Amino acid sequence: MKNTRILSMVAVLLLGILVSTSAMAQKQDKAQRASPPATATGKIGNATLTVNYSSPAVKGREVWGKLVPYGEVWRAGANEATTVTTDKDLMVEGKELPAGTYSFYAIPGEDQWTIIFNKTAEQWGTQYSQEQDALRVTVKPRKAGAMQERLKYNVTDEGIILQWENLEVPVSVDSKE
């Protein structure tokens, strides 16, 4: 009787471990998220620039001014903070950005956006602290040529382009060399 009770407790314990391990594995599989991870990489002069982000979908929602409010700091993606990594010093909209990894935020507006490179790269997207800003620049959004269902970044030889819904936000980036 006592052995049966112990075996039952061990079986329940093992089942609990199996279920929790499976649940943790699902939580850690970022590709299964509603906003899956994505990466954009390119060369700007001799510099390699990489944007790591989570890519939310429009899903029939009005994004600009609604889902993403105007005039408020936005993580420029979903989940963890979007990051920008460069292996060389760059000029962003004419201002110097040293080589490194930065979290990437934006303050959207109807006619202009503030783009923010923040020194604290490894953080959840909503943990922004202005005191850690390395650089802020102002850019002009433009109407996109086509609807973009998922948030997407492109790195071109002219800079970074954020594309989502019916909007593109180009950020001019030049090699410092």
C-alpha atoms as a PDB file:
ATOM      1  CA  MET A   1       0.000   0.000   0.000  1.00  0.00           C
ATOM      2  CA  LYS A   2       2.777   2.361   0.985  1.00  0.00           C
ATOM      3  CA  ASN A   3       4.746   1.459  -2.173  1.00  0.00           C
ATOM      4  CA  THR A   4       1.691   2.115  -4.366  1.00  0.00           C
ATOM      5  CA  ARG A   5       1.255   5.535  -2.794  1.00  0.00           C
ATOM      6  CA  ILE A   6       4.941   6.401  -3.376  1.00  0.00           C
ATOM      7  CA  LEU A   7       4.771   5.173  -6.980  1.00  0.00           C
ATOM      8  CA  SER A   8       1.650   7.281  -7.572  1.00  0.00           C
ATOM      9  CA  MET A   9       3.364  10.376  -6.151  1.00  0.00           C
ATOM     10  CA  VAL A  10       6.446   9.780  -8.322  1.00  0.00           C
ATOM     11  CA  ALA A  11       4.230   9.325 -11.410  1.00  0.00           C
ATOM     12  CA  VAL A  12       2.370  12.582 -10.687  1.00  0.00           C
ATOM     13  CA  LEU A  13       5.688  14.372 -10.087  1.00  0.00           C
ATOM     14  CA  LEU A  14       7.140  13.089 -13.382  1.00  0.00           C
ATOM     15  CA  LEU A  15       3.970  14.053 -15.252  1.00  0.00           C
ATOM     16  CA  GLY A  16       4.162  17.541 -13.757  1.00  0.00           C
ATOM     17  CA  ILE A  17       7.794  17.920 -14.832  1.00  0.00           C
ATOM     18  CA  LEU A  18       6.950  16.723 -18.346  1.00  0.00           C
ATOM     19  CA  VAL A  19       4.048  19.162 -18.709  1.00  0.00           C
ATOM     20  CA  SER A  20       6.005  22.139 -17.338  1.00  0.00           C
ATOM     21  CA  THR A  21       9.032  21.351 -19.529  1.00  0.00           C
ATOM     22  CA  SER A  22       6.786  21.188 -22.584  1.00  0.00           C
ATOM     23  CA  ALA A  23       5.125  24.497 -21.657  1.00  0.00           C
ATOM     24  CA  MET A  24       8.511  26.177 -21.105  1.00  0.00           C
ATOM     25  CA  ALA A  25       9.771  24.908 -24.468  1.00  0.00           C
ATOM     26  CA  GLN A  26       6.731  26.420 -26.172  1.00  0.00           C
ATOM     27  CA  LYS A  27       7.292  29.751 -24.421  1.00  0.00           C
ATOM     28  CA  GLN A  28      10.899  29.779 -25.543  1.00  0.00           C
ATOM     29  CA  ASP A  29      10.079  29.001 -29.205  1.00  0.00           C
ATOM     30  CA  LYS A  30       9.966  32.594 -30.431  1.00  0.00           C
ATOM     31  CA  ALA A  31       9.094  31.538 -33.987  1.00  0.00           C
ATOM     32  CA  GLN A  32       5.662  30.456 -32.680  1.00  0.00           C
ATOM     33  CA  ARG A  33       4.840  33.925 -31.337  1.00  0.00           C
ATOM     34  CA  ALA A  34       2.099  36.066 -32.882  1.00  0.00           C
ATOM     35  CA  SER A  35       4.906  38.525 -33.717  1.00  0.00           C
ATOM     36  CA  PRO A  36       7.745  36.230 -34.825  1.00  0.00           C
ATOM     37  CA  PRO A  37      11.394  37.327 -34.799  1.00  0.00           C
ATOM     38  CA  ALA A  38      12.949  38.689 -37.982  1.00  0.00           C
ATOM     39  CA  THR A  39      16.304  40.086 -39.059  1.00  0.00           C
ATOM     40  CA  ALA A  40      17.405  42.548 -41.735  1.00  0.00           C
ATOM     41  CA  THR A  41      21.100  42.867 -42.573  1.00  0.00           C
ATOM     42  CA  GLY A  42      22.989  44.895 -45.136  1.00  0.00           C
ATOM     43  CA  LYS A  43      26.140  46.801 -45.947  1.00  0.00           C
ATOM     44  CA  ILE A  44      26.427  50.560 -45.757  1.00  0.00           C
ATOM     45  CA  GLY A  45      29.859  51.395 -47.081  1.00  0.00           C
ATOM     46  CA  ASN A  46      32.248  49.129 -45.145  1.00  0.00           C
ATOM     47  CA  ALA A  47      29.843  48.764 -42.219  1.00  0.00           C
ATOM     48  CA  THR A  48      27.512  45.823 -41.649  1.00  0.00           C
ATOM     49  CA  LEU A  49      24.217  46.901 -40.102  1.00  0.00           C
ATOM     50  CA  THR A  50      21.741  44.409 -38.630  1.00  0.00           C
ATOM     51  CA  VAL A  51      18.217  45.043 -37.327  1.00  0.00           C
ATOM     52  CA  ASN A  52      16.711  42.347 -35.053  1.00  0.00           C
ATOM     53  CA  TYR A  53      13.010  42.765 -34.338  1.00  0.00           C
ATOM     54  CA  SER A  54       9.703  41.029 -33.744  1.00  0.00           C
ATOM     55  CA  SER A  55       7.266  41.442 -36.621  1.00  0.00           C
ATOM     56  CA  PRO A  56       3.638  42.176 -35.649  1.00  0.00           C
ATOM     57  CA  ALA A  57       0.831  41.969 -38.220  1.00  0.00           C
ATOM     58  CA  VAL A  58      -1.797  44.550 -39.109  1.00  0.00           C
ATOM     59  CA  LYS A  59      -4.657  42.012 -38.760  1.00  0.00           C
ATOM     60  CA  GLY A  60      -7.216  44.524 -40.059  1.00  0.00           C
ATOM     61  CA  ARG A  61      -6.332  47.120 -37.436  1.00  0.00           C
ATOM     62  CA  GLU A  62      -5.571  50.786 -38.003  1.00  0.00           C
ATOM     63  CA  VAL A  63      -1.912  50.982 -37.000  1.00  0.00           C
ATOM     64  CA  TRP A  64      -0.715  54.601 -37.116  1.00  0.00           C
ATOM     65  CA  GLY A  65      -2.360  56.894 -34.606  1.00  0.00           C
ATOM     66  CA  LYS A  66      -4.414  54.022 -33.132  1.00  0.00           C
ATOM     67  CA  LEU A  67      -2.560  50.763 -32.368  1.00  0.00           C
ATOM     68  CA  VAL A  68       0.683  52.788 -32.337  1.00  0.00           C
ATOM     69  CA  PRO A  69      -0.258  56.210 -30.917  1.00  0.00           C
ATOM     70  CA  TYR A  70       1.268  59.393 -32.279  1.00  0.00           C
ATOM     71  CA  GLY A  71       3.534  61.326 -29.922  1.00  0.00           C
ATOM     72  CA  GLU A  72       4.457  58.356 -27.689  1.00  0.00           C
ATOM     73  CA  VAL A  73       7.614  56.255 -27.542  1.00  0.00           C
ATOM     74  CA  TRP A  74       7.095  52.996 -29.453  1.00  0.00           C
ATOM     75  CA  ARG A  75       9.418  49.970 -29.343  1.00  0.00           C
ATOM     76  CA  ALA A  76       9.478  49.849 -33.168  1.00  0.00           C
ATOM     77  CA  GLY A  77       8.444  46.202 -33.163  1.00  0.00           C
ATOM     78  CA  ALA A  78       6.960  43.813 -30.616  1.00  0.00           C
ATOM     79  CA  ASN A  79       8.149  41.787 -27.624  1.00  0.00           C
ATOM     80  CA  GLU A  80      11.819  42.471 -26.828  1.00  0.00           C
ATOM     81  CA  ALA A  81      13.251  45.813 -27.891  1.00  0.00           C
ATOM     82  CA  THR A  82      14.198  46.066 -31.558  1.00  0.00           C
ATOM     83  CA  THR A  83      17.989  46.283 -31.843  1.00  0.00           C
ATOM     84  CA  VAL A  84      20.346  47.816 -34.379  1.00  0.00           C
ATOM     85  CA  THR A  85      23.941  46.588 -34.506  1.00  0.00           C
ATOM     86  CA  THR A  86      26.752  48.160 -36.504  1.00  0.00           C
ATOM     87  CA  ASP A  87      30.360  47.035 -36.629  1.00  0.00           C
ATOM     88  CA  LYS A  88      31.627  50.486 -37.700  1.00  0.00           C
ATOM     89  CA  ASP A  89      30.885  54.083 -36.733  1.00  0.00           C
ATOM     90  CA  LEU A  90      28.059  55.528 -38.835  1.00  0.00           C
ATOM     91  CA  MET A  91      26.413  58.837 -39.642  1.00  0.00           C
ATOM     92  CA  VAL A  92      22.645  58.675 -39.056  1.00  0.00           C
ATOM     93  CA  GLU A  93      20.767  61.613 -40.576  1.00  0.00           C
ATOM     94  CA  GLY A  94      24.085  63.493 -40.422  1.00  0.00           C
ATOM     95  CA  LYS A  95      24.806  62.674 -36.763  1.00  0.00           C
ATOM     96  CA  GLU A  96      27.484  60.292 -35.480  1.00  0.00           C
ATOM     97  CA  LEU A  97      26.543  56.882 -34.088  1.00  0.00           C
ATOM     98  CA  PRO A  98      29.501  54.848 -32.729  1.00  0.00           C
ATOM     99  CA  ALA A  99      29.796  51.145 -33.542  1.00  0.00           C
ATOM    100  CA  GLY A 100      27.774  48.945 -31.180  1.00  0.00           C
ATOM    101  CA  THR A 101      24.361  47.501 -30.450  1.00  0.00           C
ATOM    102  CA  TYR A 102      21.460  49.784 -29.603  1.00  0.00           C
ATOM    103  CA  SER A 103      17.785  49.349 -28.877  1.00  0.00           C
ATOM    104  CA  PHE A 104      15.739  51.132 -31.541  1.00  0.00           C
ATOM    105  CA  TYR A 105      12.680  53.175 -30.619  1.00  0.00           C
ATOM    106  CA  ALA A 106      10.529  55.726 -32.425  1.00  0.00           C
ATOM    107  CA  ILE A 107       8.096  58.479 -31.601  1.00  0.00           C
ATOM    108  CA  PRO A 108       5.698  58.404 -34.567  1.00  0.00           C
ATOM    109  CA  GLY A 109       3.953  61.528 -35.795  1.00  0.00           C
ATOM    110  CA  GLU A 110       1.746  62.273 -38.763  1.00  0.00           C
ATOM    111  CA  ASP A 111       4.376  64.449 -40.476  1.00  0.00           C
ATOM    112  CA  GLN A 112       7.642  63.524 -38.751  1.00  0.00           C
ATOM    113  CA  TRP A 113       9.100  60.826 -36.544  1.00  0.00           C
ATOM    114  CA  THR A 114      11.795  60.877 -33.897  1.00  0.00           C
ATOM    115  CA  ILE A 115      14.101  57.869 -34.249  1.00  0.00           C
ATOM    116  CA  ILE A 116      15.946  56.842 -31.084  1.00  0.00           C
ATOM    117  CA  PHE A 117      19.074  54.723 -30.652  1.00  0.00           C
ATOM    118  CA  ASN A 118      19.246  53.729 -26.979  1.00  0.00           C
ATOM    119  CA  LYS A 119      22.357  52.365 -25.214  1.00  0.00           C
ATOM    120  CA  THR A 120      20.422  49.632 -23.363  1.00  0.00           C
ATOM    121  CA  ALA A 121      20.061  46.959 -26.028  1.00  0.00           C
ATOM    122  CA  GLU A 122      19.026  43.819 -24.147  1.00  0.00           C
ATOM    123  CA  GLN A 123      15.652  44.717 -22.661  1.00  0.00           C
ATOM    124  CA  TRP A 124      11.955  44.154 -23.031  1.00  0.00           C
ATOM    125  CA  GLY A 125      10.563  46.684 -25.505  1.00  0.00           C
ATOM    126  CA  THR A 126       8.564  48.682 -22.966  1.00  0.00           C
ATOM    127  CA  GLN A 127      11.484  49.326 -20.586  1.00  0.00           C
ATOM    128  CA  TYR A 128      12.691  52.449 -22.428  1.00  0.00           C
ATOM    129  CA  SER A 129      14.677  55.070 -20.483  1.00  0.00           C
ATOM    130  CA  GLN A 130      15.403  58.398 -22.194  1.00  0.00           C
ATOM    131  CA  GLU A 131      18.519  58.862 -20.022  1.00  0.00           C
ATOM    132  CA  GLN A 132      20.121  55.999 -21.985  1.00  0.00           C
ATOM    133  CA  ASP A 133      19.622  57.579 -25.433  1.00  0.00           C
ATOM    134  CA  ALA A 134      22.771  57.562 -27.562  1.00  0.00           C
ATOM    135  CA  LEU A 135      21.196  59.439 -30.487  1.00  0.00           C
ATOM    136  CA  ARG A 136      17.898  60.977 -31.584  1.00  0.00           C
ATOM    137  CA  VAL A 137      17.153  62.078 -35.149  1.00  0.00           C
ATOM    138  CA  THR A 138      14.077  63.362 -36.964  1.00  0.00           C
ATOM    139  CA  VAL A 139      12.834  61.783 -40.198  1.00  0.00           C
ATOM    140  CA  LYS A 140       9.847  62.130 -42.529  1.00  0.00           C
ATOM    141  CA  PRO A 141       7.512  59.169 -43.099  1.00  0.00           C
ATOM    142  CA  ARG A 142       6.067  58.542 -46.560  1.00  0.00           C
ATOM    143  CA  LYS A 143       3.206  56.593 -48.082  1.00  0.00           C
ATOM    144  CA  ALA A 144       4.252  53.075 -49.047  1.00  0.00           C
ATOM    145  CA  GLY A 145       3.906  51.781 -52.586  1.00  0.00           C
ATOM    146  CA  ALA A 146       1.997  48.747 -51.312  1.00  0.00           C
ATOM    147  CA  MET A 147       0.330  47.463 -48.156  1.00  0.00           C
ATOM    148  CA  GLN A 148       2.783  45.648 -45.833  1.00  0.00           C
ATOM    149  CA  GLU A 149       0.874  43.222 -43.538  1.00  0.00           C
ATOM    150  CA  ARG A 150       3.841  42.492 -41.243  1.00  0.00           C
ATOM    151  CA  LEU A 151       6.285  45.024 -39.883  1.00  0.00           C
ATOM    152  CA  LYS A 152       9.431  44.785 -41.977  1.00  0.00           C
ATOM    153  CA  TYR A 153      12.840  46.441 -41.925  1.00  0.00           C
ATOM    154  CA  ASN A 154      15.143  46.734 -44.928  1.00  0.00           C
ATOM    155  CA  VAL A 155      18.796  47.725 -44.781  1.00  0.00           C
ATOM    156  CA  THR A 156      19.897  49.330 -48.043  1.00  0.00           C
ATOM    157  CA  ASP A 157      23.059  51.173 -49.038  1.00  0.00           C
ATOM    158  CA  GLU A 158      21.161  54.369 -48.143  1.00  0.00           C
ATOM    159  CA  GLY A 159      20.019  53.326 -44.660  1.00  0.00           C
ATOM    160  CA  ILE A 160      17.175  51.645 -42.795  1.00  0.00           C
ATOM    161  CA  ILE A 161      13.580  51.563 -44.020  1.00  0.00           C
ATOM    162  CA  LEU A 162      10.771  50.607 -41.634  1.00  0.00           C
ATOM    163  CA  GLN A 163       7.693  49.385 -43.546  1.00  0.00           C
ATOM    164  CA  TRP A 164       4.307  48.568 -42.058  1.00  0.00           C
ATOM    165  CA  GLU A 165       0.705  48.969 -43.112  1.00  0.00           C
ATOM    166  CA  ASN A 166       0.680  51.781 -45.726  1.00  0.00           C
ATOM    167  CA  LEU A 167       3.727  53.649 -44.412  1.00  0.00           C
ATOM    168  CA  GLU A 168       7.492  53.680 -44.905  1.00  0.00           C
ATOM    169  CA  VAL A 169       9.935  55.443 -42.620  1.00  0.00           C
ATOM    170  CA  PRO A 170      13.374  55.910 -44.200  1.00  0.00           C
ATOM    171  CA  VAL A 171      16.355  56.639 -41.934  1.00  0.00           C
ATOM    172  CA  SER A 172      19.413  57.896 -43.817  1.00  0.00           C
ATOM    173  CA  VAL A 173      22.615  56.103 -42.765  1.00  0.00           C
ATOM    174  CA  ASP A 174      26.092  56.685 -44.204  1.00  0.00           C
ATOM    175  CA  SER A 175      29.442  55.090 -43.559  1.00  0.00           C
ATOM    176  CA  LYS A 176      31.681  57.384 -41.560  1.00  0.00           C
ATOM    177  CA  GLU A 177      34.711  56.345 -43.654  1.00  0.00           C
END
